[in-house]
Structures are given as C-alpha cells and as structure tokens.
Amino acid sequence: MKMLDYFFEKSARGVAQRSSRRGMLKGVGTALVGVAGIPLLPVARAAETPQKPPETGDPTSCDYWRYCAIDGFLCECCGGTYNSCPAGTEMSTITWIGTCRNPEDGRNYVISYNDCCGVTQCATCLCQRDERDRPLYRSDKSNDINWCLGSSSTIYHCSTAVLVGLAFEE
C-alpha cells in the first residue's frame, strides 16, 4: 500500500511540475474551439436530410425541366417514371449527366440520365434536348452513345432523369 501511495504522490507532483493553470486553460480553450468546429466538417453537412425540389410540369413532355440534356425515349411514356425503369428492363450502370434549372425554385440540379436496357426500343415520346451541349471532343462525353454497354443487355429501351443533387452555384 505504501508503494501505491508513493507512486501516486510522485505522479501528482510530476504533473504539477510540468503543468500550469495557464496550460490547463489553453487546453480547455483548444478543446472548446475544436468541438465548435465539428459542425463545419463536410460529414456533418452531408448528414443533413436532402430536400426534394418542387416538381411541376408534365414528365411526359419533352419540356419537363429535368430533360434539359436528355436524348432518347422518355421512360415516363414507356411504363416507367422519370426516375425508374419500366418492368422487365434494367437501369444502365454508366450514365451521362446534365445540370438543369428547376423553374419552380430557380436552382440548378445535377441530373443523371440512365438508359433502361434489355427490351427493344419504346419508340414513344422521343426527346432530344442538348441545352448547353459542347462540341463533341470525346465520345464518352456525348449523350448519343448507347449507354447500355455497361449493362447485361445492350438493347436500349428508354431514358430516365434521376436527380443526383443540388449543383454548385456559379
């Protein structure tokens, strides 16, 4: 027991000699600033619940705001929706993207255009809008490609317009 008392006394004296009240206040202040900065980390912002943009317009029309860079048959007319494939088809794993402005809130959103593959062409509601399209310099940047190449079937059926997220403001 005497050895234990000696050990703690020696440790306490050592800590007292190496530290000061200012040092302790400095450590507490650093910890408080560090804790206050945690909400600023990107992880905390990503954890926020995303809000759906206001939706107006007709998704069966080529003028629908999400279709600003689409090229193909609208899945909304082919038994699917603007963000899901019709039954019996498979969503392509590789896509092209566009940035479309929602007229309701005036904000830009990143839209992923996924082809639905596995069944012959829908041949209804053909839509080709190439807003802000740039000259083709790399074929993998074009929306004219059959994006079903990454899927189990290369047969194109229709295209979806899946909302990925809010685009950075310019």
Foldseek 3Di string as FASTA:
>chain_A
DVVVVVVVVVVVVVVVVVDDPVRVVVVVVVVVVVVVCVCVDVVNVVPDDDDDDDADDDQLALPGQLNQAAFWAQQCVQQAGQADHHPQWAWFPDWAWDWTADPVVRFIFIKTKTWTDDDAASPPSGHHHHPPPDDDPDPVNHNPDQRNPRPPGSHTYTIHIHTDGTDDDD
